[in-house]
Amino acid sequence: MENKASAKKMTRHMKRTALLKLLFIREFFPEADMMSAQMGLFYEYCGAAIDEDTDMLFPATEEDRAYIENKYQEILPKLPEIDVFIGQISESWKPERMNRVDLNILRLALYEMIFDDDIPTGVAINEAVELAKLYGGAESGSFINGLLGKAAKLKGL
């Protein structure tokens, strides 16, 4: 009999959280071969998602892993363009000076807002703010919300 929890699929929020974690890990392992090894470890030790109803951990399905890895690979080539845009909207804060968690939340949200037609701008902003509240500092939610609001206006999103 199959474990009910292991058959459960990840929500978009869970997948987004996994993407954020992979982008964060990439900060420490920027070379592709090193990141490939880290991705394997990520799924072995951290790739379980939390069931929001039961607070129990369950592993990512092969379908979930494929989605996360494909989306991660789609984001990577866009990072230089996204970082330039972050530098434009943040004015006095260059991306390299930002908190790594906040920076990667911004990167993920801006990717969704600009390049992913399946995700409405409001959803991308709301999810980014929620991730900032969970993983960022005390002011991260406001910081992320302000920058993404500015980005949406500038891009006409």
C-alpha atoms as a PDB file:
ATOM      1  CA  MET A   1       0.000   0.000   0.000  1.00  0.00           C
ATOM      2  CA  GLU A   2       1.400   3.380  -0.998  1.00  0.00           C
ATOM      3  CA  ASN A   3       1.929   5.997   1.682  1.00  0.00           C
ATOM      4  CA  LYS A   4      -0.713   8.692   1.174  1.00  0.00           C
ATOM      5  CA  ALA A   5       1.731  11.497   2.030  1.00  0.00           C
ATOM      6  CA  SER A   6       4.336  10.333  -0.499  1.00  0.00           C
ATOM      7  CA  ALA A   7       1.757  10.419  -3.305  1.00  0.00           C
ATOM      8  CA  LYS A   8       0.785  13.995  -2.573  1.00  0.00           C
ATOM      9  CA  LYS A   9       1.954  16.583  -5.076  1.00  0.00           C
ATOM     10  CA  MET A  10       3.596  19.827  -4.090  1.00  0.00           C
ATOM     11  CA  THR A  11       1.617  23.052  -4.274  1.00  0.00           C
ATOM     12  CA  ARG A  12       2.968  25.980  -6.303  1.00  0.00           C
ATOM     13  CA  HIS A  13       3.970  27.623  -3.032  1.00  0.00           C
ATOM     14  CA  MET A  14       6.010  24.548  -2.082  1.00  0.00           C
ATOM     15  CA  LYS A  15       7.671  24.486  -5.517  1.00  0.00           C
ATOM     16  CA  ARG A  16       8.409  28.199  -5.253  1.00  0.00           C
ATOM     17  CA  THR A  17       9.983  27.634  -1.838  1.00  0.00           C
ATOM     18  CA  ALA A  18      12.164  24.863  -3.280  1.00  0.00           C
ATOM     19  CA  LEU A  19      13.215  27.169  -6.126  1.00  0.00           C
ATOM     20  CA  LEU A  20      14.129  29.885  -3.631  1.00  0.00           C
ATOM     21  CA  LYS A  21      16.251  27.410  -1.679  1.00  0.00           C
ATOM     22  CA  LEU A  22      18.045  26.252  -4.839  1.00  0.00           C
ATOM     23  CA  LEU A  23      18.731  29.836  -5.901  1.00  0.00           C
ATOM     24  CA  PHE A  24      20.091  30.524  -2.434  1.00  0.00           C
ATOM     25  CA  ILE A  25      22.313  27.415  -2.498  1.00  0.00           C
ATOM     26  CA  ARG A  26      23.630  28.572  -5.893  1.00  0.00           C
ATOM     27  CA  GLU A  27      25.100  31.628  -4.158  1.00  0.00           C
ATOM     28  CA  PHE A  28      27.628  29.304  -2.510  1.00  0.00           C
ATOM     29  CA  PHE A  29      28.116  26.865  -5.423  1.00  0.00           C
ATOM     30  CA  PRO A  30      27.961  28.941  -8.623  1.00  0.00           C
ATOM     31  CA  GLU A  31      29.764  26.408 -10.850  1.00  0.00           C
ATOM     32  CA  ALA A  32      27.333  24.153 -12.721  1.00  0.00           C
ATOM     33  CA  ASP A  33      29.041  20.870 -11.776  1.00  0.00           C
ATOM     34  CA  MET A  34      29.131  21.808  -8.100  1.00  0.00           C
ATOM     35  CA  MET A  35      25.496  22.890  -8.208  1.00  0.00           C
ATOM     36  CA  SER A  36      24.499  19.605  -9.820  1.00  0.00           C
ATOM     37  CA  ALA A  37      25.944  17.756  -6.832  1.00  0.00           C
ATOM     38  CA  GLN A  38      24.255  20.202  -4.455  1.00  0.00           C
ATOM     39  CA  MET A  39      20.922  19.668  -6.186  1.00  0.00           C
ATOM     40  CA  GLY A  40      21.232  15.936  -5.546  1.00  0.00           C
ATOM     41  CA  LEU A  41      21.944  16.586  -1.881  1.00  0.00           C
ATOM     42  CA  PHE A  42      19.087  19.077  -1.749  1.00  0.00           C
ATOM     43  CA  TYR A  43      16.582  16.426  -2.798  1.00  0.00           C
ATOM     44  CA  GLU A  44      18.130  13.830  -0.544  1.00  0.00           C
ATOM     45  CA  TYR A  45      18.121  15.978   2.595  1.00  0.00           C
ATOM     46  CA  CYS A  46      15.982  19.080   2.012  1.00  0.00           C
ATOM     47  CA  GLY A  47      13.795  18.263  -0.974  1.00  0.00           C
ATOM     48  CA  ALA A  48      10.865  17.216   1.116  1.00  0.00           C
ATOM     49  CA  ALA A  49       7.940  19.564   1.155  1.00  0.00           C
ATOM     50  CA  ILE A  50       5.841  20.399   4.177  1.00  0.00           C
ATOM     51  CA  ASP A  51       2.180  19.481   3.962  1.00  0.00           C
ATOM     52  CA  GLU A  52       0.491  22.726   4.963  1.00  0.00           C
ATOM     53  CA  ASP A  53      -2.528  20.837   6.350  1.00  0.00           C
ATOM     54  CA  THR A  54      -0.669  18.364   8.561  1.00  0.00           C
ATOM     55  CA  ASP A  55       2.794  19.963   8.966  1.00  0.00           C
ATOM     56  CA  MET A  56       4.263  16.602   7.936  1.00  0.00           C
ATOM     57  CA  LEU A  57       7.174  16.263   5.521  1.00  0.00           C
ATOM     58  CA  PHE A  58       6.795  14.355   2.294  1.00  0.00           C
ATOM     59  CA  PRO A  59       9.271  13.856  -0.561  1.00  0.00           C
ATOM     60  CA  ALA A  60       8.935  15.653  -3.872  1.00  0.00           C
ATOM     61  CA  THR A  61       7.511  13.423  -6.606  1.00  0.00           C
ATOM     62  CA  GLU A  62       9.452  12.902  -9.826  1.00  0.00           C
ATOM     63  CA  GLU A  63       6.967  15.243 -11.524  1.00  0.00           C
ATOM     64  CA  ASP A  64       7.568  17.916  -8.866  1.00  0.00           C
ATOM     65  CA  ARG A  65      11.341  17.525  -9.165  1.00  0.00           C
ATOM     66  CA  ALA A  66      11.162  17.820 -12.951  1.00  0.00           C
ATOM     67  CA  TYR A  67       9.082  21.003 -12.674  1.00  0.00           C
ATOM     68  CA  ILE A  68      11.451  22.553 -10.116  1.00  0.00           C
ATOM     69  CA  GLU A  69      14.582  21.632 -12.049  1.00  0.00           C
ATOM     70  CA  ASN A  70      13.149  22.846 -15.371  1.00  0.00           C
ATOM     71  CA  LYS A  71      12.040  26.140 -13.851  1.00  0.00           C
ATOM     72  CA  TYR A  72      15.442  26.531 -12.171  1.00  0.00           C
ATOM     73  CA  GLN A  73      17.162  26.005 -15.534  1.00  0.00           C
ATOM     74  CA  GLU A  74      14.826  28.577 -17.130  1.00  0.00           C
ATOM     75  CA  ILE A  75      15.655  31.158 -14.452  1.00  0.00           C
ATOM     76  CA  LEU A  76      19.467  30.850 -14.599  1.00  0.00           C
ATOM     77  CA  PRO A  77      20.079  32.516 -17.989  1.00  0.00           C
ATOM     78  CA  LYS A  78      17.721  35.354 -17.034  1.00  0.00           C
ATOM     79  CA  LEU A  79      19.586  36.218 -13.816  1.00  0.00           C
ATOM     80  CA  PRO A  80      21.977  38.790 -15.324  1.00  0.00           C
ATOM     81  CA  GLU A  81      19.055  40.682 -16.889  1.00  0.00           C
ATOM     82  CA  ILE A  82      17.023  40.404 -13.685  1.00  0.00           C
ATOM     83  CA  ASP A  83      19.962  41.657 -11.588  1.00  0.00           C
ATOM     84  CA  VAL A  84      20.366  44.715 -13.832  1.00  0.00           C
ATOM     85  CA  PHE A  85      16.669  45.448 -13.376  1.00  0.00           C
ATOM     86  CA  ILE A  86      16.957  44.986  -9.601  1.00  0.00           C
ATOM     87  CA  GLY A  87      19.776  47.537  -9.624  1.00  0.00           C
ATOM     88  CA  GLN A  88      17.515  49.975 -11.489  1.00  0.00           C
ATOM     89  CA  ILE A  89      14.515  49.643  -9.176  1.00  0.00           C
ATOM     90  CA  SER A  90      16.480  49.566  -5.935  1.00  0.00           C
ATOM     91  CA  GLU A  91      18.410  52.777  -6.689  1.00  0.00           C
ATOM     92  CA  SER A  92      20.812  52.914  -3.735  1.00  0.00           C
ATOM     93  CA  TRP A  93      21.008  49.143  -3.156  1.00  0.00           C
ATOM     94  CA  LYS A  94      23.069  47.209  -5.671  1.00  0.00           C
ATOM     95  CA  PRO A  95      22.153  43.507  -5.900  1.00  0.00           C
ATOM     96  CA  GLU A  96      25.602  42.429  -4.661  1.00  0.00           C
ATOM     97  CA  ARG A  97      25.028  44.401  -1.440  1.00  0.00           C
ATOM     98  CA  MET A  98      21.599  42.921  -0.715  1.00  0.00           C
ATOM     99  CA  ASN A  99      20.796  40.213   1.764  1.00  0.00           C
ATOM    100  CA  ARG A 100      21.104  36.941  -0.218  1.00  0.00           C
ATOM    101  CA  VAL A 101      17.644  35.728   0.821  1.00  0.00           C
ATOM    102  CA  ASP A 102      15.954  38.978  -0.222  1.00  0.00           C
ATOM    103  CA  LEU A 103      17.906  39.076  -3.467  1.00  0.00           C
ATOM    104  CA  ASN A 104      16.852  35.575  -4.438  1.00  0.00           C
ATOM    105  CA  ILE A 105      13.240  36.222  -3.505  1.00  0.00           C
ATOM    106  CA  LEU A 106      13.358  39.272  -5.784  1.00  0.00           C
ATOM    107  CA  ARG A 107      14.978  37.262  -8.553  1.00  0.00           C
ATOM    108  CA  LEU A 108      12.337  34.561  -8.383  1.00  0.00           C
ATOM    109  CA  ALA A 109       9.435  37.011  -8.241  1.00  0.00           C
ATOM    110  CA  LEU A 110      10.784  39.142 -11.082  1.00  0.00           C
ATOM    111  CA  TYR A 111      11.317  36.055 -13.206  1.00  0.00           C
ATOM    112  CA  GLU A 112       7.674  35.133 -12.614  1.00  0.00           C
ATOM    113  CA  MET A 113       6.437  38.663 -13.267  1.00  0.00           C
ATOM    114  CA  ILE A 114       8.429  39.282 -16.437  1.00  0.00           C
ATOM    115  CA  PHE A 115       8.993  35.879 -18.039  1.00  0.00           C
ATOM    116  CA  ASP A 116       6.327  33.463 -16.735  1.00  0.00           C
ATOM    117  CA  ASP A 117       2.943  34.167 -18.322  1.00  0.00           C
ATOM    118  CA  ASP A 118       1.271  31.481 -16.192  1.00  0.00           C
ATOM    119  CA  ILE A 119       1.682  33.484 -12.977  1.00  0.00           C
ATOM    120  CA  PRO A 120      -0.243  36.725 -12.456  1.00  0.00           C
ATOM    121  CA  THR A 121       1.824  39.670 -11.198  1.00  0.00           C
ATOM    122  CA  GLY A 122      -0.243  39.974  -8.013  1.00  0.00           C
ATOM    123  CA  VAL A 123       0.352  36.325  -7.178  1.00  0.00           C
ATOM    124  CA  ALA A 124       4.102  36.654  -7.766  1.00  0.00           C
ATOM    125  CA  ILE A 125       4.258  39.703  -5.488  1.00  0.00           C
ATOM    126  CA  ASN A 126       2.116  38.140  -2.767  1.00  0.00           C
ATOM    127  CA  GLU A 127       4.120  34.910  -2.777  1.00  0.00           C
ATOM    128  CA  ALA A 128       7.390  36.858  -2.651  1.00  0.00           C
ATOM    129  CA  VAL A 129       6.199  38.841   0.355  1.00  0.00           C
ATOM    130  CA  GLU A 130       5.130  35.631   2.102  1.00  0.00           C
ATOM    131  CA  LEU A 131       8.529  34.036   1.411  1.00  0.00           C
ATOM    132  CA  ALA A 132      10.231  37.183   2.720  1.00  0.00           C
ATOM    133  CA  LYS A 133       8.218  37.003   5.935  1.00  0.00           C
ATOM    134  CA  LEU A 134       9.210  33.347   6.375  1.00  0.00           C
ATOM    135  CA  TYR A 135      12.869  33.451   5.381  1.00  0.00           C
ATOM    136  CA  GLY A 136      13.962  37.100   5.402  1.00  0.00           C
ATOM    137  CA  GLY A 137      14.648  39.653   8.063  1.00  0.00           C
ATOM    138  CA  ALA A 138      12.183  41.804   9.989  1.00  0.00           C
ATOM    139  CA  GLU A 139      11.900  44.381   7.185  1.00  0.00           C
ATOM    140  CA  SER A 140      12.158  41.967   4.265  1.00  0.00           C
ATOM    141  CA  GLY A 141       8.432  41.785   3.538  1.00  0.00           C
ATOM    142  CA  SER A 142       8.117  45.563   3.202  1.00  0.00           C
ATOM    143  CA  PHE A 143      11.359  45.822   1.240  1.00  0.00           C
ATOM    144  CA  ILE A 144      10.309  43.117  -1.239  1.00  0.00           C
ATOM    145  CA  ASN A 145       6.779  44.500  -1.575  1.00  0.00           C
ATOM    146  CA  GLY A 146       8.055  48.019  -2.274  1.00  0.00           C
ATOM    147  CA  LEU A 147      10.561  46.946  -4.919  1.00  0.00           C
ATOM    148  CA  LEU A 148       8.170  44.586  -6.665  1.00  0.00           C
ATOM    149  CA  GLY A 149       5.432  47.241  -6.667  1.00  0.00           C
ATOM    150  CA  LYS A 150       7.863  49.635  -8.301  1.00  0.00           C
ATOM    151  CA  ALA A 151       8.902  46.956 -10.801  1.00  0.00           C
ATOM    152  CA  ALA A 152       5.275  46.254 -11.725  1.00  0.00           C
ATOM    153  CA  LYS A 153       4.672  49.961 -12.415  1.00  0.00           C
ATOM    154  CA  LEU A 154       7.846  50.349 -14.471  1.00  0.00           C
ATOM    155  CA  LYS A 155       7.147  47.246 -16.541  1.00  0.00           C
ATOM    156  CA  GLY A 156       3.441  47.995 -16.848  1.00  0.00           C
ATOM    157  CA  LEU A 157       2.499  44.681 -15.255  1.00  0.00           C
END
